[in-house]
């Protein structure tokens, strides 16, 4: 099988599948970034609720990262990497 270089700038089907598999992690990571920005903007006037939101999202990022790693090749391969 010959490999043909794609020069059109579009992602391959394999790349799209990879992005789709990682989307839950990307989505929660963006939500965490929003919470971090809100904390920075609030400065010392930030609320306890905003801090709890940040901590909850940080836990969700870790969970999504773990699920993505497990789906990609098993927990053992994720820990070894």
N, C-alpha and C. Protein backbone atom coordinates (compact mmCIF):
# COMPACT_ATOMS: atom_id res chain seq x y z
N UNK A 1 0.84 -1.17 0.00
CA UNK A 1 0.00 0.00 0.00
C UNK A 1 0.89 1.24 0.00
N UNK A 2 0.61 2.14 -0.92
CA UNK A 2 1.35 3.39 -0.98
C UNK A 2 0.72 4.42 -0.05
N UNK A 3 1.56 5.15 0.61
CA UNK A 3 1.07 6.23 1.47
C UNK A 3 1.14 7.53 0.67
N UNK A 4 0.01 8.17 0.54
CA UNK A 4 -0.05 9.40 -0.22
C UNK A 4 -0.09 10.57 0.77
N UNK A 5 0.84 11.47 0.63
CA UNK A 5 0.88 12.64 1.50
C UNK A 5 -0.29 13.55 1.18
N UNK A 6 -0.98 13.98 2.20
CA UNK A 6 -2.10 14.91 2.02
C UNK A 6 -1.57 16.30 2.27
N UNK A 7 -1.80 17.14 1.31
CA UNK A 7 -1.28 18.50 1.42
C UNK A 7 -2.41 19.53 1.42
N UNK A 8 -3.64 19.04 1.69
CA UNK A 8 -4.77 19.95 1.64
C UNK A 8 -5.06 20.60 2.98
N UNK A 9 -4.33 20.25 4.02
CA UNK A 9 -4.51 20.87 5.33
C UNK A 9 -5.68 20.30 6.12
N UNK A 10 -6.41 19.38 5.55
CA UNK A 10 -7.55 18.78 6.24
C UNK A 10 -7.10 17.57 7.04
N UNK A 11 -7.76 17.33 8.19
CA UNK A 11 -7.39 16.15 8.98
C UNK A 11 -7.83 14.87 8.30
N UNK A 12 -7.08 13.82 8.53
CA UNK A 12 -7.42 12.51 7.99
C UNK A 12 -8.55 11.92 8.82
N UNK A 13 -9.21 10.88 8.31
CA UNK A 13 -10.24 10.22 9.12
C UNK A 13 -9.71 9.69 10.45
N UNK A 14 -8.48 9.21 10.47
CA UNK A 14 -7.88 8.73 11.72
C UNK A 14 -7.67 9.87 12.70
N UNK A 15 -7.24 11.01 12.20
CA UNK A 15 -7.07 12.17 13.08
C UNK A 15 -8.40 12.66 13.62
N UNK A 16 -9.43 12.64 12.79
CA UNK A 16 -10.76 13.03 13.25
C UNK A 16 -11.28 12.08 14.32
N UNK A 17 -11.03 10.79 14.14
CA UNK A 17 -11.45 9.80 15.13
C UNK A 17 -10.71 10.02 16.45
N UNK A 18 -9.44 10.38 16.37
CA UNK A 18 -8.66 10.65 17.58
C UNK A 18 -9.20 11.87 18.32
N UNK A 19 -9.52 12.91 17.57
CA UNK A 19 -10.09 14.12 18.18
C UNK A 19 -11.42 13.80 18.83
N UNK A 20 -12.24 13.02 18.14
CA UNK A 20 -13.55 12.64 18.68
C UNK A 20 -13.39 11.85 19.98
N UNK A 21 -12.41 10.96 20.02
CA UNK A 21 -12.17 10.17 21.23
C UNK A 21 -11.70 11.03 22.39
N UNK A 22 -10.96 12.09 22.09
CA UNK A 22 -10.43 12.97 23.14
C UNK A 22 -11.36 14.13 23.46
N UNK A 23 -12.48 14.26 22.75
CA UNK A 23 -13.32 15.43 22.94
C UNK A 23 -13.83 15.61 24.37
N UNK A 24 -14.24 14.56 25.09
CA UNK A 24 -14.67 14.79 26.48
C UNK A 24 -13.58 15.47 27.33
N UNK A 25 -12.34 15.07 27.12
CA UNK A 25 -11.23 15.70 27.85
C UNK A 25 -11.04 17.15 27.41
N UNK A 26 -11.11 17.40 26.12
CA UNK A 26 -10.97 18.76 25.60
C UNK A 26 -12.06 19.65 26.15
N UNK A 27 -13.29 19.15 26.17
CA UNK A 27 -14.44 19.94 26.63
C UNK A 27 -14.31 20.32 28.10
N UNK A 28 -13.95 19.37 28.95
CA UNK A 28 -13.84 19.67 30.38
C UNK A 28 -12.61 20.54 30.65
N UNK A 29 -11.57 20.37 29.84
CA UNK A 29 -10.38 21.22 29.99
C UNK A 29 -10.71 22.68 29.65
N UNK A 30 -11.54 22.89 28.63
CA UNK A 30 -11.97 24.25 28.30
C UNK A 30 -12.82 24.86 29.41
N UNK A 31 -13.68 24.04 30.02
CA UNK A 31 -14.49 24.53 31.13
C UNK A 31 -13.61 24.91 32.31
N UNK A 32 -12.56 24.12 32.56
CA UNK A 32 -11.62 24.45 33.63
C UNK A 32 -10.90 25.76 33.33
N UNK A 33 -10.51 25.96 32.09
CA UNK A 33 -9.87 27.21 31.71
C UNK A 33 -10.81 28.40 31.96
N UNK A 34 -12.08 28.24 31.63
CA UNK A 34 -13.05 29.30 31.91
C UNK A 34 -13.12 29.61 33.40
N UNK A 35 -13.11 28.56 34.23
CA UNK A 35 -13.16 28.76 35.68
C UNK A 35 -11.89 29.46 36.17
N UNK A 36 -10.74 29.09 35.61
CA UNK A 36 -9.49 29.74 36.00
C UNK A 36 -9.51 31.22 35.63
N UNK A 37 -10.02 31.53 34.45
CA UNK A 37 -10.10 32.93 34.03
C UNK A 37 -11.03 33.70 34.96
N UNK A 38 -12.15 33.08 35.32
CA UNK A 38 -13.09 33.73 36.24
C UNK A 38 -12.43 34.02 37.59
N UNK A 39 -11.61 33.09 38.07
CA UNK A 39 -10.90 33.29 39.34
C UNK A 39 -9.90 34.44 39.24
N UNK A 40 -9.18 34.51 38.15
CA UNK A 40 -8.20 35.58 37.96
C UNK A 40 -8.89 36.93 37.89
N UNK A 41 -9.99 36.99 37.14
CA UNK A 41 -10.73 38.24 36.99
C UNK A 41 -11.32 38.67 38.32
N UNK A 42 -11.83 37.71 39.11
CA UNK A 42 -12.46 38.05 40.39
C UNK A 42 -11.43 38.52 41.40
N UNK A 43 -10.20 38.04 41.27
CA UNK A 43 -9.14 38.45 42.19
C UNK A 43 -9.49 38.08 43.63
N UNK A 44 -9.19 38.94 44.57
CA UNK A 44 -9.45 38.62 45.98
C UNK A 44 -10.95 38.62 46.31
N UNK A 45 -11.78 39.03 45.37
CA UNK A 45 -13.21 39.08 45.63
C UNK A 45 -13.91 37.82 45.13
N UNK A 46 -13.15 36.80 44.78
CA UNK A 46 -13.73 35.55 44.30
C UNK A 46 -14.56 34.89 45.39
N UNK A 47 -15.56 34.15 44.98
CA UNK A 47 -16.46 33.52 45.94
C UNK A 47 -16.05 32.08 46.23
N UNK A 48 -16.57 31.57 47.33
CA UNK A 48 -16.34 30.17 47.68
C UNK A 48 -16.98 29.27 46.63
N UNK A 49 -18.09 29.70 46.07
CA UNK A 49 -18.76 28.92 45.03
C UNK A 49 -17.88 28.79 43.78
N UNK A 50 -17.21 29.87 43.41
CA UNK A 50 -16.32 29.83 42.25
C UNK A 50 -15.15 28.88 42.52
N UNK A 51 -14.63 28.88 43.73
CA UNK A 51 -13.53 28.00 44.09
C UNK A 51 -13.98 26.54 44.04
N UNK A 52 -15.18 26.26 44.54
CA UNK A 52 -15.71 24.89 44.47
C UNK A 52 -15.90 24.47 43.02
N UNK A 53 -16.37 25.38 42.16
CA UNK A 53 -16.53 25.08 40.74
C UNK A 53 -15.18 24.71 40.13
N UNK A 54 -14.17 25.47 40.47
CA UNK A 54 -12.83 25.19 39.95
C UNK A 54 -12.35 23.81 40.40
N UNK A 55 -12.50 23.50 41.68
CA UNK A 55 -12.05 22.19 42.19
C UNK A 55 -12.82 21.05 41.55
N UNK A 56 -14.14 21.22 41.36
CA UNK A 56 -14.95 20.20 40.72
C UNK A 56 -14.49 19.96 39.29
N UNK A 57 -14.23 21.03 38.56
CA UNK A 57 -13.78 20.90 37.18
C UNK A 57 -12.38 20.27 37.10
N UNK A 58 -11.53 20.59 38.05
CA UNK A 58 -10.19 19.99 38.07
C UNK A 58 -10.30 18.48 38.26
N UNK A 59 -11.22 18.04 39.13
CA UNK A 59 -11.44 16.60 39.30
C UNK A 59 -12.00 15.98 38.02
N UNK A 60 -12.89 16.70 37.35
CA UNK A 60 -13.45 16.19 36.10
C UNK A 60 -12.38 16.05 35.02
N UNK A 61 -11.43 16.98 34.99
CA UNK A 61 -10.33 16.88 34.02
C UNK A 61 -9.52 15.62 34.29
N UNK A 62 -9.22 15.36 35.55
CA UNK A 62 -8.45 14.16 35.88
C UNK A 62 -9.21 12.89 35.50
N UNK A 63 -10.51 12.87 35.78
CA UNK A 63 -11.32 11.71 35.42
C UNK A 63 -11.40 11.51 33.92
N UNK A 64 -11.59 12.60 33.18
CA UNK A 64 -11.66 12.50 31.72
C UNK A 64 -10.31 12.06 31.15
N UNK A 65 -9.24 12.56 31.71
CA UNK A 65 -7.90 12.16 31.24
C UNK A 65 -7.68 10.67 31.50
N UNK A 66 -8.12 10.20 32.64
CA UNK A 66 -7.97 8.78 32.95
C UNK A 66 -8.81 7.94 31.98
N UNK A 67 -10.05 8.32 31.74
CA UNK A 67 -10.91 7.57 30.81
C UNK A 67 -10.32 7.58 29.40
N UNK A 68 -9.79 8.72 28.98
CA UNK A 68 -9.20 8.82 27.65
C UNK A 68 -7.98 7.90 27.55
N UNK A 69 -7.16 7.87 28.59
CA UNK A 69 -5.98 7.01 28.59
C UNK A 69 -6.37 5.54 28.57
N UNK A 70 -7.38 5.19 29.35
CA UNK A 70 -7.82 3.80 29.39
C UNK A 70 -8.39 3.39 28.04
N UNK A 71 -9.19 4.26 27.43
CA UNK A 71 -9.78 3.95 26.13
C UNK A 71 -8.72 3.84 25.05
N UNK A 72 -7.62 4.55 25.22
CA UNK A 72 -6.59 4.58 24.18
C UNK A 72 -5.72 3.32 24.19
N UNK A 73 -5.66 2.62 25.30
CA UNK A 73 -4.80 1.44 25.27
C UNK A 73 -4.73 0.70 26.58
N UNK A 74 -5.62 0.99 27.47
CA UNK A 74 -5.61 0.29 28.74
C UNK A 74 -4.89 1.07 29.81
N UNK A 75 -5.27 0.84 31.03
CA UNK A 75 -4.71 1.58 32.14
C UNK A 75 -3.22 1.35 32.28
N UNK A 76 -2.76 0.12 32.08
CA UNK A 76 -1.33 -0.18 32.23
C UNK A 76 -0.49 0.64 31.25
N UNK A 77 -0.96 0.77 30.01
CA UNK A 77 -0.18 1.55 29.04
C UNK A 77 -0.25 3.03 29.37
N UNK A 78 -1.35 3.48 29.97
CA UNK A 78 -1.47 4.89 30.34
C UNK A 78 -0.54 5.22 31.51
N UNK A 79 -0.42 4.30 32.46
CA UNK A 79 0.45 4.53 33.61
C UNK A 79 1.91 4.47 33.19
N UNK A 80 2.24 3.58 32.26
CA UNK A 80 3.62 3.41 31.82
C UNK A 80 4.10 4.59 31.00
N UNK A 81 3.20 5.31 30.40
CA UNK A 81 3.60 6.42 29.50
C UNK A 81 4.08 7.62 30.24
